[in-house]
Amino acid sequence: MKKINYILILLMVFSFTVINCSGSSGKYDDYKKWKHFGIHARSSDDKMFLTLQKEFGIDPPLESFYLEVDLRNPNYEFAKIGMGESSKSILWESLSTEARNFIINWEYYKENLSE
């Protein structure tokens, strides 16, 4: 039942993103500078998404998931996989440098949540 709810949430989020043209509002060129953003990730897009899930302690890995990153407060920067009660958060600094760089530089299916 939880898996069905999770899939429905992902579908709703994906639909919202498509309707809003990925939420970039014409400022997509600055995506590496965003402080609060989301990524609609699929493990098949890049093997790093599998590594990222390992760093979150997610096993077995998800085929697709929503990743939210919030770097607005320097005293509490975090990343979160999932939405609602089933989400899993981790402090930004506890992710490997490779994972943090990958997330910042990833440009596909990325939306600015600060706007």
N, C-alpha and C. Protein backbone atom coordinates (compact mmCIF):
# COMPACT_ATOMS: atom_id res chain seq x y z
N MET A 1 0.83 -1.20 0.00
CA MET A 1 0.00 0.00 0.00
C MET A 1 0.87 1.27 0.00
N LYS A 2 1.95 1.25 0.81
CA LYS A 2 2.84 2.40 0.85
C LYS A 2 3.47 2.64 -0.52
N LYS A 3 3.82 1.55 -1.20
CA LYS A 3 4.46 1.67 -2.51
C LYS A 3 3.50 2.31 -3.51
N ILE A 4 2.23 1.94 -3.46
CA ILE A 4 1.23 2.52 -4.36
C ILE A 4 1.08 4.01 -4.08
N ASN A 5 1.02 4.39 -2.80
CA ASN A 5 0.91 5.80 -2.43
C ASN A 5 2.14 6.58 -2.92
N TYR A 6 3.31 5.98 -2.76
CA TYR A 6 4.55 6.63 -3.19
C TYR A 6 4.54 6.84 -4.70
N ILE A 7 4.11 5.84 -5.44
CA ILE A 7 4.05 5.95 -6.90
C ILE A 7 3.06 7.03 -7.31
N LEU A 8 1.92 7.09 -6.65
CA LEU A 8 0.93 8.12 -6.97
C LEU A 8 1.47 9.52 -6.70
N ILE A 9 2.19 9.68 -5.61
CA ILE A 9 2.79 10.97 -5.28
C ILE A 9 3.80 11.36 -6.35
N LEU A 10 4.63 10.41 -6.76
CA LEU A 10 5.62 10.69 -7.80
C LEU A 10 4.95 11.11 -9.11
N LEU A 11 3.86 10.42 -9.47
CA LEU A 11 3.15 10.77 -10.69
C LEU A 11 2.56 12.17 -10.61
N MET A 12 2.02 12.53 -9.44
CA MET A 12 1.45 13.87 -9.27
C MET A 12 2.55 14.93 -9.39
N VAL A 13 3.68 14.69 -8.76
CA VAL A 13 4.78 15.64 -8.81
C VAL A 13 5.29 15.79 -10.24
N PHE A 14 5.43 14.66 -10.92
CA PHE A 14 5.90 14.71 -12.31
C PHE A 14 4.92 15.48 -13.18
N SER A 15 3.63 15.25 -13.00
CA SER A 15 2.61 15.97 -13.78
C SER A 15 2.69 17.46 -13.53
N PHE A 16 2.84 17.85 -12.27
CA PHE A 16 2.95 19.26 -11.92
C PHE A 16 4.17 19.88 -12.60
N THR A 17 5.27 19.17 -12.64
CA THR A 17 6.49 19.68 -13.25
C THR A 17 6.30 19.88 -14.75
N VAL A 18 5.69 18.92 -15.41
CA VAL A 18 5.48 19.02 -16.85
C VAL A 18 4.58 20.22 -17.16
N ILE A 19 3.53 20.39 -16.38
CA ILE A 19 2.60 21.49 -16.61
C ILE A 19 3.29 22.83 -16.41
N ASN A 20 4.18 22.91 -15.44
CA ASN A 20 4.85 24.18 -15.14
C ASN A 20 6.21 24.31 -15.82
N CYS A 21 6.46 23.51 -16.83
CA CYS A 21 7.71 23.61 -17.61
C CYS A 21 8.94 23.59 -16.72
N SER A 22 8.97 22.69 -15.78
CA SER A 22 10.07 22.44 -14.83
C SER A 22 10.33 23.60 -13.87
N GLY A 23 9.42 24.52 -13.74
CA GLY A 23 9.51 25.56 -12.72
C GLY A 23 10.70 26.50 -12.86
N SER A 24 11.29 26.61 -14.03
CA SER A 24 12.51 27.39 -14.16
C SER A 24 12.26 28.88 -14.37
N SER A 25 11.10 29.26 -14.82
CA SER A 25 10.73 30.66 -15.03
C SER A 25 11.79 31.44 -15.79
N GLY A 26 12.43 30.82 -16.78
CA GLY A 26 13.40 31.52 -17.59
C GLY A 26 14.76 31.72 -16.94
N LYS A 27 14.97 31.19 -15.76
CA LYS A 27 16.24 31.38 -15.06
C LYS A 27 17.01 30.06 -14.96
N TYR A 28 16.81 29.20 -15.91
CA TYR A 28 17.40 27.87 -15.85
C TYR A 28 18.92 27.90 -15.94
N ASP A 29 19.48 28.93 -16.55
CA ASP A 29 20.93 29.00 -16.71
C ASP A 29 21.65 29.04 -15.36
N ASP A 30 20.98 29.47 -14.33
CA ASP A 30 21.59 29.61 -13.01
C ASP A 30 21.32 28.39 -12.11
N TYR A 31 20.96 27.25 -12.68
CA TYR A 31 20.56 26.10 -11.88
C TYR A 31 21.63 25.64 -10.89
N LYS A 32 22.90 25.91 -11.14
CA LYS A 32 23.96 25.51 -10.21
C LYS A 32 24.01 26.41 -8.98
N LYS A 33 23.33 27.55 -9.04
CA LYS A 33 23.33 28.49 -7.92
C LYS A 33 22.07 28.38 -7.06
N TRP A 34 21.12 27.56 -7.48
CA TRP A 34 19.88 27.43 -6.73
C TRP A 34 20.15 26.94 -5.31
N LYS A 35 19.43 27.49 -4.34
CA LYS A 35 19.59 27.12 -2.93
C LYS A 35 18.51 26.15 -2.45
N HIS A 36 17.41 26.07 -3.18
CA HIS A 36 16.33 25.15 -2.80
C HIS A 36 15.75 24.60 -4.10
N PHE A 37 15.96 23.31 -4.34
CA PHE A 37 15.53 22.74 -5.61
C PHE A 37 15.15 21.28 -5.45
N GLY A 38 14.45 20.79 -6.46
CA GLY A 38 14.05 19.39 -6.49
C GLY A 38 14.50 18.76 -7.80
N ILE A 39 14.73 17.45 -7.73
CA ILE A 39 15.11 16.69 -8.92
C ILE A 39 14.22 15.46 -9.00
N HIS A 40 13.62 15.26 -10.15
CA HIS A 40 12.85 14.04 -10.41
C HIS A 40 13.84 13.04 -10.98
N ALA A 41 14.32 12.16 -10.11
CA ALA A 41 15.43 11.27 -10.46
C ALA A 41 14.95 9.89 -10.87
N ARG A 42 15.66 9.33 -11.82
CA ARG A 42 15.46 7.93 -12.21
C ARG A 42 16.82 7.25 -12.15
N SER A 43 16.86 6.12 -11.50
CA SER A 43 18.13 5.41 -11.35
C SER A 43 18.75 5.06 -12.69
N SER A 44 17.94 4.89 -13.70
CA SER A 44 18.45 4.55 -15.03
C SER A 44 19.09 5.74 -15.73
N ASP A 45 18.88 6.96 -15.23
CA ASP A 45 19.47 8.15 -15.86
C ASP A 45 20.97 8.24 -15.62
N ASP A 46 21.41 7.81 -14.44
CA ASP A 46 22.83 7.87 -14.11
C ASP A 46 23.08 6.95 -12.92
N LYS A 47 24.18 6.20 -12.96
CA LYS A 47 24.48 5.26 -11.88
C LYS A 47 24.71 5.98 -10.55
N MET A 48 25.01 7.28 -10.61
CA MET A 48 25.23 8.04 -9.38
C MET A 48 23.95 8.12 -8.54
N PHE A 49 22.78 8.02 -9.18
CA PHE A 49 21.53 8.02 -8.41
C PHE A 49 21.43 6.76 -7.54
N LEU A 50 22.02 5.66 -7.98
CA LEU A 50 22.08 4.45 -7.15
C LEU A 50 23.04 4.65 -5.98
N THR A 51 24.19 5.24 -6.26
CA THR A 51 25.16 5.54 -5.20
C THR A 51 24.56 6.49 -4.18
N LEU A 52 23.84 7.47 -4.65
CA LEU A 52 23.20 8.44 -3.78
C LEU A 52 22.21 7.76 -2.83
N GLN A 53 21.44 6.81 -3.36
CA GLN A 53 20.49 6.09 -2.51
C GLN A 53 21.22 5.26 -1.45
N LYS A 54 22.38 4.72 -1.78
CA LYS A 54 23.17 3.98 -0.79
C LYS A 54 23.60 4.91 0.34
N GLU A 55 23.98 6.15 -0.01
CA GLU A 55 24.39 7.11 1.01
C GLU A 55 23.22 7.48 1.92
N PHE A 56 22.01 7.39 1.41
CA PHE A 56 20.81 7.64 2.21
C PHE A 56 20.39 6.40 2.99
N GLY A 57 21.01 5.26 2.71
CA GLY A 57 20.64 4.02 3.38
C GLY A 57 19.39 3.39 2.81
N ILE A 58 19.08 3.66 1.57
CA ILE A 58 17.88 3.11 0.94
C ILE A 58 18.24 1.81 0.24
N ASP A 59 17.62 0.73 0.70
CA ASP A 59 17.87 -0.59 0.13
C ASP A 59 16.60 -1.42 0.25
N PRO A 60 16.08 -1.95 -0.80
CA PRO A 60 16.60 -1.93 -2.17
C PRO A 60 16.40 -0.55 -2.79
N PRO A 61 17.21 -0.24 -3.79
CA PRO A 61 17.12 1.09 -4.41
C PRO A 61 15.80 1.28 -5.16
N LEU A 62 15.37 2.52 -5.20
CA LEU A 62 14.14 2.89 -5.91
C LEU A 62 14.45 3.11 -7.38
N GLU A 63 13.51 2.76 -8.23
CA GLU A 63 13.67 2.98 -9.66
C GLU A 63 13.60 4.48 -9.99
N SER A 64 12.70 5.18 -9.31
CA SER A 64 12.59 6.63 -9.47
C SER A 64 12.22 7.23 -8.12
N PHE A 65 12.61 8.48 -7.94
CA PHE A 65 12.34 9.14 -6.66
C PHE A 65 12.46 10.65 -6.84
N TYR A 66 11.97 11.38 -5.84
CA TYR A 66 12.07 12.83 -5.84
C TYR A 66 13.12 13.21 -4.81
N LEU A 67 14.08 14.02 -5.22
CA LEU A 67 15.14 14.49 -4.35
C LEU A 67 14.96 15.98 -4.14
N GLU A 68 14.88 16.39 -2.88
CA GLU A 68 14.79 17.81 -2.55
C GLU A 68 16.06 18.22 -1.82
N VAL A 69 16.61 19.36 -2.20
CA VAL A 69 17.81 19.89 -1.56
C VAL A 69 17.50 21.31 -1.09
N ASP A 70 17.83 21.59 0.18
CA ASP A 70 17.59 22.91 0.74
C ASP A 70 18.88 23.42 1.36
N LEU A 71 19.47 24.42 0.74
CA LEU A 71 20.74 25.00 1.18
C LEU A 71 20.56 26.45 1.61
N ARG A 72 19.34 26.85 1.90
CA ARG A 72 19.06 28.25 2.24
C ARG A 72 19.58 28.64 3.62
N ASN A 73 19.58 27.72 4.56
CA ASN A 73 20.03 28.00 5.92
C ASN A 73 21.39 27.34 6.13
N PRO A 74 22.48 28.11 6.22
CA PRO A 74 23.81 27.52 6.35
C PRO A 74 23.97 26.65 7.61
N ASN A 75 23.11 26.85 8.60
CA ASN A 75 23.18 26.05 9.83
C ASN A 75 22.39 24.75 9.73
N TYR A 76 21.58 24.62 8.69
CA TYR A 76 20.80 23.39 8.51
C TYR A 76 20.55 23.15 7.02
N GLU A 77 21.57 22.67 6.34
CA GLU A 77 21.45 22.32 4.93
C GLU A 77 21.17 20.83 4.85
N PHE A 78 20.17 20.45 4.05
CA PHE A 78 19.80 19.04 3.99
C PHE A 78 19.36 18.62 2.60
N ALA A 79 19.34 17.33 2.42
CA ALA A 79 18.78 16.72 1.21
C ALA A 79 17.76 15.69 1.68
N LYS A 80 16.74 15.48 0.87
CA LYS A 80 15.65 14.57 1.26
C LYS A 80 15.21 13.78 0.04
N ILE A 81 15.04 12.48 0.24
CA ILE A 81 14.49 11.63 -0.81
C ILE A 81 13.08 11.26 -0.41
N GLY A 82 12.14 11.45 -1.33
CA GLY A 82 10.74 11.13 -1.06
C GLY A 82 9.97 12.34 -0.60
N MET A 83 8.68 12.09 -0.32
CA MET A 83 7.81 13.17 0.11
C MET A 83 6.94 12.68 1.26
N GLY A 84 6.57 13.60 2.12
CA GLY A 84 5.67 13.26 3.21
C GLY A 84 6.31 12.35 4.25
N GLU A 85 5.48 11.51 4.85
CA GLU A 85 5.93 10.65 5.94
C GLU A 85 6.97 9.62 5.51
N SER A 86 6.97 9.26 4.26
CA SER A 86 7.90 8.23 3.78
C SER A 86 9.25 8.81 3.34
N SER A 87 9.47 10.10 3.55
CA SER A 87 10.72 10.71 3.10
C SER A 87 11.86 10.39 4.07
N LYS A 88 13.05 10.50 3.55
CA LYS A 88 14.25 10.27 4.34
C LYS A 88 15.20 11.44 4.13
N SER A 89 15.55 12.15 5.23
CA SER A 89 16.42 13.32 5.14
C SER A 89 17.83 12.99 5.63
N ILE A 90 18.78 13.75 5.12
CA ILE A 90 20.17 13.60 5.52
C ILE A 90 20.82 14.98 5.46
N LEU A 91 21.73 15.26 6.39
CA LEU A 91 22.43 16.54 6.34
C LEU A 91 23.29 16.61 5.09
N TRP A 92 23.29 17.75 4.46
CA TRP A 92 24.02 17.97 3.22
C TRP A 92 25.50 17.63 3.39
N GLU A 93 26.09 18.07 4.50
CA GLU A 93 27.52 17.84 4.71
C GLU A 93 27.87 16.37 4.92
N SER A 94 26.89 15.54 5.25
CA SER A 94 27.17 14.12 5.46
C SER A 94 27.21 13.33 4.13
N LEU A 95 26.75 13.96 3.05
CA LEU A 95 26.88 13.34 1.74
C LEU A 95 28.32 13.48 1.25
N SER A 96 28.77 12.54 0.47
CA SER A 96 30.12 12.61 -0.08
C SER A 96 30.25 13.83 -0.99
N THR A 97 31.47 14.30 -1.14
CA THR A 97 31.73 15.43 -2.04
C THR A 97 31.29 15.08 -3.45
N GLU A 98 31.53 13.84 -3.86
CA GLU A 98 31.13 13.40 -5.20
C GLU A 98 29.61 13.50 -5.36
N ALA A 99 28.87 13.07 -4.36
CA ALA A 99 27.40 13.13 -4.42
C ALA A 99 26.91 14.57 -4.45
N ARG A 100 27.47 15.43 -3.60
CA ARG A 100 27.06 16.84 -3.57
C ARG A 100 27.34 17.52 -4.92
N ASN A 101 28.51 17.29 -5.48
CA ASN A 101 28.84 17.88 -6.78
C ASN A 101 27.91 17.37 -7.87
N PHE A 102 27.63 16.09 -7.84
CA PHE A 102 26.73 15.50 -8.82
C PHE A 102 25.35 16.17 -8.75
N ILE A 103 24.82 16.31 -7.55
CA ILE A 103 23.48 16.90 -7.36
C ILE A 103 23.46 18.35 -7.85
N ILE A 104 24.45 19.13 -7.46
CA ILE A 104 24.50 20.54 -7.87
C ILE A 104 24.59 20.67 -9.38
N ASN A 105 25.38 19.83 -10.02
CA ASN A 105 25.62 19.93 -11.45
C ASN A 105 24.58 19.25 -12.32
N TRP A 106 23.73 18.42 -11.72
CA TRP A 106 22.69 17.73 -12.49
C TRP A 106 21.70 18.77 -13.00
N GLU A 107 21.35 18.72 -14.28
CA GLU A 107 20.49 19.76 -14.84
C GLU A 107 19.14 19.28 -15.34
N TYR A 108 18.94 17.98 -15.45
CA TYR A 108 17.70 17.45 -16.04
C TYR A 108 16.64 17.23 -14.98
N TYR A 109 15.40 17.51 -15.33
CA TYR A 109 14.25 17.31 -14.44
C TYR A 109 14.48 17.99 -13.10
N LYS A 110 15.06 19.18 -13.15
CA LYS A 110 15.40 19.94 -11.94
C LYS A 110 14.51 21.17 -11.88
N GLU A 111 13.98 21.44 -10.71
CA GLU A 111 13.10 22.61 -10.55
C GLU A 111 13.52 23.47 -9.37
N ASN A 112 13.43 24.76 -9.56
CA ASN A 112 13.78 25.72 -8.52
C ASN A 112 12.58 25.86 -7.59
N LEU A 113 12.78 25.52 -6.31
CA LEU A 113 11.68 25.58 -5.34
C LEU A 113 11.68 26.91 -4.58
N SER A 114 12.63 27.77 -4.85
CA SER A 114 12.70 29.07 -4.17
C SER A 114 11.82 30.12 -4.80
N GLU A 115 11.35 29.86 -6.00
CA GLU A 115 10.54 30.87 -6.72
C GLU A 115 9.09 30.75 -6.36
